[in-house]
Amino acid sequence: MFQRLGAVRRLRTPRGNVISGAFTHKGTYTIGNHTVEADFAKGPATISIQFLRVGAAWKINGFHINSAVFLPPKA
């Protein structure tokens, strides 16, 4: 499916934030949400990534690419 976008041409500066909190019975959590605007060979897209801190490591918790390139062609 991602072949529809073609090669990455340009990535802009990522933007994001990190939040931390605690649950009464489950302990603490730290989550980072970041987005970056990208230009691909066949059109622009927004890439969203969510990171989850597990112990001392960061793991990818979600990865989404949104682009009009994925929409069906107009009739």
C-alpha atoms as a PDB file:
ATOM      1  CA  MET A   1       0.000   0.000   0.000  1.00  0.00           C
ATOM      2  CA  PHE A   2       2.781   2.425   0.834  1.00  0.00           C
ATOM      3  CA  GLN A   3       4.211   2.009  -2.673  1.00  0.00           C
ATOM      4  CA  ARG A   4       1.387   4.338  -3.733  1.00  0.00           C
ATOM      5  CA  LEU A   5       3.275   7.211  -2.075  1.00  0.00           C
ATOM      6  CA  GLY A   6       6.606   6.567  -3.778  1.00  0.00           C
ATOM      7  CA  ALA A   7       9.927   7.660  -2.335  1.00  0.00           C
ATOM      8  CA  VAL A   8      10.276  10.228   0.441  1.00  0.00           C
ATOM      9  CA  ARG A   9      11.338  13.569  -1.033  1.00  0.00           C
ATOM     10  CA  ARG A  10      11.318  15.794   2.057  1.00  0.00           C
ATOM     11  CA  LEU A  11      10.570  15.621   5.771  1.00  0.00           C
ATOM     12  CA  ARG A  12       9.787  18.790   7.668  1.00  0.00           C
ATOM     13  CA  THR A  13      10.655  19.403  11.316  1.00  0.00           C
ATOM     14  CA  PRO A  14       8.853  16.933  13.615  1.00  0.00           C
ATOM     15  CA  ARG A  15       6.530  18.382  16.236  1.00  0.00           C
ATOM     16  CA  GLY A  16       5.349  16.665  19.358  1.00  0.00           C
ATOM     17  CA  ASN A  17       5.032  16.358  23.075  1.00  0.00           C
ATOM     18  CA  VAL A  18       5.640  13.904  25.880  1.00  0.00           C
ATOM     19  CA  ILE A  19       3.168  13.282  28.679  1.00  0.00           C
ATOM     20  CA  SER A  20       3.565  11.334  31.895  1.00  0.00           C
ATOM     21  CA  GLY A  21       1.025  10.206  34.417  1.00  0.00           C
ATOM     22  CA  ALA A  22       0.148   7.569  36.948  1.00  0.00           C
ATOM     23  CA  PHE A  23      -2.607   5.066  37.554  1.00  0.00           C
ATOM     24  CA  THR A  24      -3.591   4.120  41.090  1.00  0.00           C
ATOM     25  CA  HIS A  25      -3.164   0.381  40.556  1.00  0.00           C
ATOM     26  CA  LYS A  26      -0.967   0.142  37.441  1.00  0.00           C
ATOM     27  CA  GLY A  27       1.937   2.536  38.052  1.00  0.00           C
ATOM     28  CA  THR A  28       3.303   5.319  35.873  1.00  0.00           C
ATOM     29  CA  TYR A  29       3.403   5.823  32.123  1.00  0.00           C
ATOM     30  CA  THR A  30       5.201   8.094  29.651  1.00  0.00           C
ATOM     31  CA  ILE A  31       3.901   8.589  26.113  1.00  0.00           C
ATOM     32  CA  GLY A  32       5.333  10.694  23.291  1.00  0.00           C
ATOM     33  CA  ASN A  33       3.153  11.839  20.372  1.00  0.00           C
ATOM     34  CA  HIS A  34       4.927  13.250  17.306  1.00  0.00           C
ATOM     35  CA  THR A  35       3.859  14.267  13.808  1.00  0.00           C
ATOM     36  CA  VAL A  36       5.825  15.284  10.750  1.00  0.00           C
ATOM     37  CA  GLU A  37       4.696  16.624   7.390  1.00  0.00           C
ATOM     38  CA  ALA A  38       6.306  14.768   4.493  1.00  0.00           C
ATOM     39  CA  ASP A  39       6.476  15.102   0.726  1.00  0.00           C
ATOM     40  CA  PHE A  40       6.516  11.853  -1.212  1.00  0.00           C
ATOM     41  CA  ALA A  41       6.988  11.321  -4.949  1.00  0.00           C
ATOM     42  CA  LYS A  42       3.227  11.004  -5.470  1.00  0.00           C
ATOM     43  CA  GLY A  43       1.907  13.515  -2.921  1.00  0.00           C
ATOM     44  CA  PRO A  44       2.067  14.949   0.604  1.00  0.00           C
ATOM     45  CA  ALA A  45       1.357  13.031   3.799  1.00  0.00           C
ATOM     46  CA  THR A  46       1.259  13.462   7.556  1.00  0.00           C
ATOM     47  CA  ILE A  47       3.121  10.853   9.596  1.00  0.00           C
ATOM     48  CA  SER A  48       2.039  10.344  13.221  1.00  0.00           C
ATOM     49  CA  ILE A  49       4.042   8.221  15.640  1.00  0.00           C
ATOM     50  CA  GLN A  50       3.264   7.417  19.255  1.00  0.00           C
ATOM     51  CA  PHE A  51       6.087   6.204  21.505  1.00  0.00           C
ATOM     52  CA  LEU A  52       5.604   4.405  24.820  1.00  0.00           C
ATOM     53  CA  ARG A  53       8.323   4.257  27.441  1.00  0.00           C
ATOM     54  CA  VAL A  54       8.751   0.738  28.800  1.00  0.00           C
ATOM     55  CA  GLY A  55      11.385   0.669  31.534  1.00  0.00           C
ATOM     56  CA  ALA A  56      14.428   2.473  30.106  1.00  0.00           C
ATOM     57  CA  ALA A  57      13.471   1.844  26.451  1.00  0.00           C
ATOM     58  CA  TRP A  58      11.143   3.678  24.057  1.00  0.00           C
ATOM     59  CA  LYS A  59       8.897   1.480  21.900  1.00  0.00           C
ATOM     60  CA  ILE A  60       6.658   2.425  18.979  1.00  0.00           C
ATOM     61  CA  ASN A  61       3.054   2.203  20.162  1.00  0.00           C
ATOM     62  CA  GLY A  62       1.440   3.499  16.962  1.00  0.00           C
ATOM     63  CA  PHE A  63       2.455   4.520  13.448  1.00  0.00           C
ATOM     64  CA  HIS A  64       0.059   6.142  10.960  1.00  0.00           C
ATOM     65  CA  ILE A  65       0.499   7.744   7.548  1.00  0.00           C
ATOM     66  CA  ASN A  66      -2.391   9.906   6.331  1.00  0.00           C
ATOM     67  CA  SER A  67      -2.493  11.060   2.722  1.00  0.00           C
ATOM     68  CA  ALA A  68      -5.052  11.856   0.041  1.00  0.00           C
ATOM     69  CA  VAL A  69      -2.995   9.507  -2.167  1.00  0.00           C
ATOM     70  CA  PHE A  70      -4.712   6.600  -0.347  1.00  0.00           C
ATOM     71  CA  LEU A  71      -8.214   7.807  -1.272  1.00  0.00           C
ATOM     72  CA  PRO A  72      -9.972   6.264  -4.262  1.00  0.00           C
ATOM     73  CA  PRO A  73      -9.820   8.291  -7.486  1.00  0.00           C
ATOM     74  CA  LYS A  74     -12.682  10.714  -8.122  1.00  0.00           C
ATOM     75  CA  ALA A  75     -15.236   9.631 -10.693  1.00  0.00           C
END
